Amino acid sequence: MTDATRYVKIVEWSEEDGVFVGQCPGIIGPSCHGPDEVEDYRELCEIVAEWAELARRDGRGLTAPTVGTGVD
C-alpha cells in the first residue's frame, strides 16, 4: 500500500462547471477537472501521490490517513 492509497479521493459531477471535479478532503481541494470521470480520478491519484512524495522528501509529516475513518 502506498501513502497515497490511504486517503479518500472524491470525483463528482459539477453542474455549475459541466465537468467532473476531483478532490482529496483534508489534503487538497478541487484540483483537477474534466469530462471523463475515470481520467479525472487517475489524475487525482497522481496529484495525491505527488503530494505525499513531496511531503516526505521535505521532511513534513503526512496528514492522518482518511481511508476507513468515516470522513465524508
PDB file of N, CA and C in Angstrom:
ATOM      1  N   MET A   1       0.850  -1.171   0.000  1.00  0.00           N
ATOM      2  CA  MET A   1       0.000   0.000   0.000  1.00  0.00           C
ATOM      3  C   MET A   1       0.903   1.244   0.000  1.00  0.00           C
ATOM      4  N   THR A   2       0.616   2.167  -0.883  1.00  0.00           N
ATOM      5  CA  THR A   2       1.373   3.413  -0.919  1.00  0.00           C
ATOM      6  C   THR A   2       0.726   4.432   0.015  1.00  0.00           C
ATOM      7  N   ASP A   3       1.470   5.476   0.335  1.00  0.00           N
ATOM      8  CA  ASP A   3       0.901   6.538   1.171  1.00  0.00           C
ATOM      9  C   ASP A   3      -0.358   7.109   0.538  1.00  0.00           C
ATOM     10  N   ALA A   4      -0.351   7.308  -0.759  1.00  0.00           N
ATOM     11  CA  ALA A   4      -1.480   7.945  -1.454  1.00  0.00           C
ATOM     12  C   ALA A   4      -2.768   7.131  -1.354  1.00  0.00           C
ATOM     13  N   THR A   5      -2.658   5.809  -1.244  1.00  0.00           N
ATOM     14  CA  THR A   5      -3.859   4.978  -1.177  1.00  0.00           C
ATOM     15  C   THR A   5      -4.559   5.074   0.166  1.00  0.00           C
ATOM     16  N   ARG A   6      -3.949   5.749   1.117  1.00  0.00           N
ATOM     17  CA  ARG A   6      -4.516   5.864   2.458  1.00  0.00           C
ATOM     18  C   ARG A   6      -5.445   7.066   2.612  1.00  0.00           C
ATOM     19  N   TYR A   7      -5.735   7.743   1.494  1.00  0.00           N
ATOM     20  CA  TYR A   7      -6.561   8.953   1.537  1.00  0.00           C
ATOM     21  C   TYR A   7      -7.769   8.823   0.622  1.00  0.00           C
ATOM     22  N   VAL A   8      -8.921   9.242   1.138  1.00  0.00           N
ATOM     23  CA  VAL A   8     -10.164   9.231   0.364  1.00  0.00           C
ATOM     24  C   VAL A   8     -10.040  10.231  -0.779  1.00  0.00           C
ATOM     25  N   LYS A   9     -10.421   9.786  -1.962  1.00  0.00           N
ATOM     26  CA  LYS A   9     -10.420  10.651  -3.142  1.00  0.00           C
ATOM     27  C   LYS A   9     -11.843  10.693  -3.700  1.00  0.00           C
ATOM     28  N   ILE A  10     -12.297  11.875  -4.018  1.00  0.00           N
ATOM     29  CA  ILE A  10     -13.676  12.047  -4.493  1.00  0.00           C
ATOM     30  C   ILE A  10     -13.671  12.711  -5.858  1.00  0.00           C
ATOM     31  N   VAL A  11     -14.398  12.114  -6.779  1.00  0.00           N
ATOM     32  CA  VAL A  11     -14.631  12.721  -8.087  1.00  0.00           C
ATOM     33  C   VAL A  11     -16.141  12.797  -8.242  1.00  0.00           C
ATOM     34  N   GLU A  12     -16.626  14.007  -8.440  1.00  0.00           N
ATOM     35  CA  GLU A  12     -18.077  14.170  -8.571  1.00  0.00           C
ATOM     36  C   GLU A  12     -18.391  15.158  -9.685  1.00  0.00           C
ATOM     37  N   TRP A  13     -19.597  15.030 -10.205  1.00  0.00           N
ATOM     38  CA  TRP A  13     -20.052  15.888 -11.285  1.00  0.00           C
ATOM     39  C   TRP A  13     -20.396  17.271 -10.747  1.00  0.00           C
ATOM     40  N   SER A  14     -19.946  18.301 -11.429  1.00  0.00           N
ATOM     41  CA  SER A  14     -20.279  19.682 -11.074  1.00  0.00           C
ATOM     42  C   SER A  14     -21.240  20.236 -12.114  1.00  0.00           C
ATOM     43  N   GLU A  15     -22.478  20.417 -11.710  1.00  0.00           N
ATOM     44  CA  GLU A  15     -23.466  21.019 -12.624  1.00  0.00           C
ATOM     45  C   GLU A  15     -23.024  22.415 -13.039  1.00  0.00           C
ATOM     46  N   GLU A  16     -22.466  23.156 -12.086  1.00  0.00           N
ATOM     47  CA  GLU A  16     -22.039  24.531 -12.340  1.00  0.00           C
ATOM     48  C   GLU A  16     -20.959  24.602 -13.421  1.00  0.00           C
ATOM     49  N   ASP A  17     -19.988  23.677 -13.349  1.00  0.00           N
ATOM     50  CA  ASP A  17     -18.868  23.700 -14.292  1.00  0.00           C
ATOM     51  C   ASP A  17     -19.094  22.814 -15.517  1.00  0.00           C
ATOM     52  N   GLY A  18     -20.016  21.868 -15.413  1.00  0.00           N
ATOM     53  CA  GLY A  18     -20.289  20.958 -16.523  1.00  0.00           C
ATOM     54  C   GLY A  18     -19.183  19.934 -16.744  1.00  0.00           C
ATOM     55  N   VAL A  19     -18.436  19.598 -15.689  1.00  0.00           N
ATOM     56  CA  VAL A  19     -17.360  18.609 -15.756  1.00  0.00           C
ATOM     57  C   VAL A  19     -17.271  17.863 -14.419  1.00  0.00           C
ATOM     58  N   PHE A  20     -16.482  16.790 -14.407  1.00  0.00           N
ATOM     59  CA  PHE A  20     -16.189  16.101 -13.163  1.00  0.00           C
ATOM     60  C   PHE A  20     -15.074  16.859 -12.453  1.00  0.00           C
ATOM     61  N   VAL A  21     -15.143  16.921 -11.125  1.00  0.00           N
ATOM     62  CA  VAL A  21     -14.148  17.626 -10.320  1.00  0.00           C
ATOM     63  C   VAL A  21     -13.626  16.668  -9.253  1.00  0.00           C
ATOM     64  N   GLY A  22     -12.299  16.612  -9.114  1.00  0.00           N
ATOM     65  CA  GLY A  22     -11.682  15.716  -8.148  1.00  0.00           C
ATOM     66  C   GLY A  22     -11.048  16.459  -6.994  1.00  0.00           C
ATOM     67  N   GLN A  23     -11.163  15.871  -5.795  1.00  0.00           N
ATOM     68  CA  GLN A  23     -10.545  16.441  -4.605  1.00  0.00           C
ATOM     69  C   GLN A  23     -10.221  15.333  -3.615  1.00  0.00           C
ATOM     70  N   CYS A  24      -9.363  15.659  -2.658  1.00  0.00           N
ATOM     71  CA  CYS A  24      -8.972  14.724  -1.605  1.00  0.00           C
ATOM     72  C   CYS A  24      -9.157  15.466  -0.288  1.00  0.00           C
ATOM     73  N   PRO A  25     -10.304  15.300   0.370  1.00  0.00           N
ATOM     74  CA  PRO A  25     -10.605  16.050   1.592  1.00  0.00           C
ATOM     75  C   PRO A  25      -9.491  15.945   2.634  1.00  0.00           C
ATOM     76  N   GLY A  26      -9.150  17.081   3.198  1.00  0.00           N
ATOM     77  CA  GLY A  26      -8.102  17.133   4.194  1.00  0.00           C
ATOM     78  C   GLY A  26      -6.710  17.240   3.610  1.00  0.00           C
ATOM     79  N   ILE A  27      -6.582  17.029   2.315  1.00  0.00           N
ATOM     80  CA  ILE A  27      -5.287  17.087   1.636  1.00  0.00           C
ATOM     81  C   ILE A  27      -5.281  18.212   0.615  1.00  0.00           C
ATOM     82  N   ILE A  28      -6.225  18.150  -0.301  1.00  0.00           N
ATOM     83  CA  ILE A  28      -6.274  19.132  -1.380  1.00  0.00           C
ATOM     84  C   ILE A  28      -7.722  19.298  -1.836  1.00  0.00           C
ATOM     85  N   GLY A  29      -8.100  20.532  -2.052  1.00  0.00           N
ATOM     86  CA  GLY A  29      -9.455  20.819  -2.529  1.00  0.00           C
ATOM     87  C   GLY A  29      -9.577  20.484  -4.001  1.00  0.00           C
ATOM     88  N   PRO A  30     -10.604  21.008  -4.653  1.00  0.00           N
ATOM     89  CA  PRO A  30     -10.772  20.739  -6.077  1.00  0.00           C
ATOM     90  C   PRO A  30      -9.466  21.023  -6.825  1.00  0.00           C
ATOM     91  N   SER A  31      -8.910  19.989  -7.441  1.00  0.00           N
ATOM     92  CA  SER A  31      -7.587  20.129  -8.033  1.00  0.00           C
ATOM     93  C   SER A  31      -7.482  19.625  -9.457  1.00  0.00           C
ATOM     94  N   CYS A  32      -8.480  18.953  -9.939  1.00  0.00           N
ATOM     95  CA  CYS A  32      -8.476  18.509 -11.331  1.00  0.00           C
ATOM     96  C   CYS A  32      -9.923  18.435 -11.803  1.00  0.00           C
ATOM     97  N   HIS A  33     -10.092  18.576 -13.083  1.00  0.00           N
ATOM     98  CA  HIS A  33     -11.444  18.537 -13.639  1.00  0.00           C
ATOM     99  C   HIS A  33     -11.384  18.138 -15.100  1.00  0.00           C
ATOM    100  N   GLY A  34     -12.479  17.592 -15.565  1.00  0.00           N
ATOM    101  CA  GLY A  34     -12.562  17.206 -16.962  1.00  0.00           C
ATOM    102  C   GLY A  34     -13.834  16.445 -17.253  1.00  0.00           C
ATOM    103  N   PRO A  35     -14.056  16.111 -18.517  1.00  0.00           N
ATOM    104  CA  PRO A  35     -15.299  15.458 -18.932  1.00  0.00           C
ATOM    105  C   PRO A  35     -15.326  13.949 -18.680  1.00  0.00           C
ATOM    106  N   ASP A  36     -14.179  13.350 -18.348  1.00  0.00           N
ATOM    107  CA  ASP A  36     -14.096  11.898 -18.172  1.00  0.00           C
ATOM    108  C   ASP A  36     -13.838  11.570 -16.699  1.00  0.00           C
ATOM    109  N   GLU A  37     -14.790  10.927 -16.061  1.00  0.00           N
ATOM    110  CA  GLU A  37     -14.705  10.622 -14.634  1.00  0.00           C
ATOM    111  C   GLU A  37     -13.486   9.754 -14.291  1.00  0.00           C
ATOM    112  N   VAL A  38     -13.230   8.746 -15.093  1.00  0.00           N
ATOM    113  CA  VAL A  38     -12.114   7.835 -14.835  1.00  0.00           C
ATOM    114  C   VAL A  38     -10.780   8.557 -15.002  1.00  0.00           C
ATOM    115  N   GLU A  39     -10.645   9.341 -16.034  1.00  0.00           N
ATOM    116  CA  GLU A  39      -9.413  10.103 -16.257  1.00  0.00           C
ATOM    117  C   GLU A  39      -9.195  11.108 -15.132  1.00  0.00           C
ATOM    118  N   ASP A  40     -10.249  11.728 -14.679  1.00  0.00           N
ATOM    119  CA  ASP A  40     -10.151  12.689 -13.580  1.00  0.00           C
ATOM    120  C   ASP A  40      -9.682  11.986 -12.302  1.00  0.00           C
ATOM    121  N   TYR A  41     -10.193  10.790 -12.040  1.00  0.00           N
ATOM    122  CA  TYR A  41      -9.770  10.035 -10.860  1.00  0.00           C
ATOM    123  C   TYR A  41      -8.299   9.647 -10.971  1.00  0.00           C
ATOM    124  N   ARG A  42      -7.877   9.210 -12.152  1.00  0.00           N
ATOM    125  CA  ARG A  42      -6.475   8.852 -12.366  1.00  0.00           C
ATOM    126  C   ARG A  42      -5.568  10.050 -12.088  1.00  0.00           C
ATOM    127  N   GLU A  43      -5.953  11.204 -12.613  1.00  0.00           N
ATOM    128  CA  GLU A  43      -5.169  12.418 -12.394  1.00  0.00           C
ATOM    129  C   GLU A  43      -5.131  12.787 -10.907  1.00  0.00           C
ATOM    130  N   LEU A  44      -6.264  12.658 -10.229  1.00  0.00           N
ATOM    131  CA  LEU A  44      -6.330  12.961  -8.803  1.00  0.00           C
ATOM    132  C   LEU A  44      -5.394  12.034  -8.017  1.00  0.00           C
ATOM    133  N   CYS A  45      -5.378  10.757  -8.360  1.00  0.00           N
ATOM    134  CA  CYS A  45      -4.480   9.816  -7.681  1.00  0.00           C
ATOM    135  C   CYS A  45      -3.023  10.229  -7.870  1.00  0.00           C
ATOM    136  N   GLU A  46      -2.662  10.678  -9.062  1.00  0.00           N
ATOM    137  CA  GLU A  46      -1.300  11.149  -9.315  1.00  0.00           C
ATOM    138  C   GLU A  46      -0.980  12.383  -8.476  1.00  0.00           C
ATOM    139  N   ILE A  47      -1.921  13.306  -8.379  1.00  0.00           N
ATOM    140  CA  ILE A  47      -1.714  14.528  -7.593  1.00  0.00           C
ATOM    141  C   ILE A  47      -1.477  14.183  -6.128  1.00  0.00           C
ATOM    142  N   VAL A  48      -2.280  13.280  -5.577  1.00  0.00           N
ATOM    143  CA  VAL A  48      -2.134  12.897  -4.165  1.00  0.00           C
ATOM    144  C   VAL A  48      -0.811  12.161  -3.951  1.00  0.00           C
ATOM    145  N   ALA A  49      -0.420  11.302  -4.891  1.00  0.00           N
ATOM    146  CA  ALA A  49       0.860  10.598  -4.782  1.00  0.00           C
ATOM    147  C   ALA A  49       2.021  11.591  -4.795  1.00  0.00           C
ATOM    148  N   GLU A  50       1.958  12.583  -5.660  1.00  0.00           N
ATOM    149  CA  GLU A  50       2.999  13.610  -5.718  1.00  0.00           C
ATOM    150  C   GLU A  50       3.042  14.414  -4.420  1.00  0.00           C
ATOM    151  N   TRP A  51       1.871  14.734  -3.885  1.00  0.00           N
ATOM    152  CA  TRP A  51       1.796  15.464  -2.621  1.00  0.00           C
ATOM    153  C   TRP A  51       2.500  14.670  -1.510  1.00  0.00           C
ATOM    154  N   ALA A  52       2.197  13.371  -1.415  1.00  0.00           N
ATOM    155  CA  ALA A  52       2.791  12.523  -0.376  1.00  0.00           C
ATOM    156  C   ALA A  52       4.304  12.432  -0.558  1.00  0.00           C
ATOM    157  N   GLU A  53       4.750  12.279  -1.791  1.00  0.00           N
ATOM    158  CA  GLU A  53       6.184  12.191  -2.066  1.00  0.00           C
ATOM    159  C   GLU A  53       6.891  13.487  -1.676  1.00  0.00           C
ATOM    160  N   LEU A  54       6.334  14.620  -2.037  1.00  0.00           N
ATOM    161  CA  LEU A  54       6.941  15.911  -1.688  1.00  0.00           C
ATOM    162  C   LEU A  54       6.968  16.127  -0.173  1.00  0.00           C
ATOM    163  N   ALA A  55       5.899  15.751   0.505  1.00  0.00           N
ATOM    164  CA  ALA A  55       5.850  15.905   1.956  1.00  0.00           C
ATOM    165  C   ALA A  55       6.950  15.086   2.619  1.00  0.00           C
ATOM    166  N   ARG A  56       7.118  13.857   2.176  1.00  0.00           N
ATOM    167  CA  ARG A  56       8.174  13.003   2.745  1.00  0.00           C
ATOM    168  C   ARG A  56       9.560  13.559   2.420  1.00  0.00           C
ATOM    169  N   ARG A  57       9.764  13.959   1.179  1.00  0.00           N
ATOM    170  CA  ARG A  57      11.068  14.475   0.759  1.00  0.00           C
ATOM    171  C   ARG A  57      11.442  15.747   1.518  1.00  0.00           C
ATOM    172  N   ASP A  58      10.430  16.585   1.799  1.00  0.00           N
ATOM    173  CA  ASP A  58      10.676  17.841   2.508  1.00  0.00           C
ATOM    174  C   ASP A  58      10.717  17.666   4.031  1.00  0.00           C
ATOM    175  N   GLY A  59      10.512  16.435   4.492  1.00  0.00           N
ATOM    176  CA  GLY A  59      10.568  16.164   5.925  1.00  0.00           C
ATOM    177  C   GLY A  59       9.323  16.581   6.682  1.00  0.00           C
ATOM    178  N   ARG A  60       8.240  16.843   5.958  1.00  0.00           N
ATOM    179  CA  ARG A  60       6.974  17.183   6.623  1.00  0.00           C
ATOM    180  C   ARG A  60       6.214  15.894   6.912  1.00  0.00           C
ATOM    181  N   GLY A  61       5.520  15.875   7.990  1.00  0.00           N
ATOM    182  CA  GLY A  61       4.689  14.717   8.291  1.00  0.00           C
ATOM    183  C   GLY A  61       3.471  14.692   7.380  1.00  0.00           C
ATOM    184  N   LEU A  62       2.983  13.506   7.124  1.00  0.00           N
ATOM    185  CA  LEU A  62       1.773  13.371   6.316  1.00  0.00           C
ATOM    186  C   LEU A  62       0.543  13.590   7.192  1.00  0.00           C
ATOM    187  N   THR A  63      -0.482  14.105   6.601  1.00  0.00           N
ATOM    188  CA  THR A  63      -1.760  14.258   7.275  1.00  0.00           C
ATOM    189  C   THR A  63      -2.279  12.857   7.630  1.00  0.00           C
ATOM    190  N   ALA A  64      -2.999  12.741   8.724  1.00  0.00           N
ATOM    191  CA  ALA A  64      -3.546  11.439   9.128  1.00  0.00           C
ATOM    192  C   ALA A  64      -4.363  10.836   8.001  1.00  0.00           C
ATOM    193  N   PRO A  65      -4.223   9.527   7.756  1.00  0.00           N
ATOM    194  CA  PRO A  65      -4.994   8.868   6.698  1.00  0.00           C
ATOM    195  C   PRO A  65      -6.487   9.053   6.890  1.00  0.00           C
ATOM    196  N   THR A  66      -7.210   9.092   5.790  1.00  0.00           N
ATOM    197  CA  THR A  66      -8.663   9.280   5.849  1.00  0.00           C
ATOM    198  C   THR A  66      -9.433   8.033   5.435  1.00  0.00           C
ATOM    199  N   VAL A  67      -8.788   7.048   4.854  1.00  0.00           N
ATOM    200  CA  VAL A  67      -9.470   5.816   4.456  1.00  0.00           C
ATOM    201  C   VAL A  67      -9.845   5.032   5.699  1.00  0.00           C
ATOM    202  N   GLY A  68     -11.095   4.606   5.760  1.00  0.00           N
ATOM    203  CA  GLY A  68     -11.558   3.786   6.870  1.00  0.00           C
ATOM    204  C   GLY A  68     -11.862   4.557   8.153  1.00  0.00           C
ATOM    205  N   THR A  69     -11.917   5.887   8.074  1.00  0.00           N
ATOM    206  CA  THR A  69     -12.178   6.672   9.272  1.00  0.00           C
ATOM    207  C   THR A  69     -13.580   7.283   9.291  1.00  0.00           C
ATOM    208  N   GLY A  70     -14.337   7.052   8.233  1.00  0.00           N
ATOM    209  CA  GLY A  70     -15.679   7.610   8.155  1.00  0.00           C
ATOM    210  C   GLY A  70     -15.695   9.082   7.772  1.00  0.00           C
ATOM    211  N   VAL A  71     -14.582   9.607   7.248  1.00  0.00           N
ATOM    212  CA  VAL A  71     -14.527  11.006   6.808  1.00  0.00           C
ATOM    213  C   VAL A  71     -15.355  11.147   5.543  1.00  0.00           C
ATOM    214  N   ASP A  72     -16.202  12.161   5.513  1.00  0.00           N
ATOM    215  CA  ASP A  72     -17.018  12.416   4.320  1.00  0.00           C
ATOM    216  C   ASP A  72     -16.376  13.431   3.442  1.00  0.00           C
TER     217      ASP A  72
END
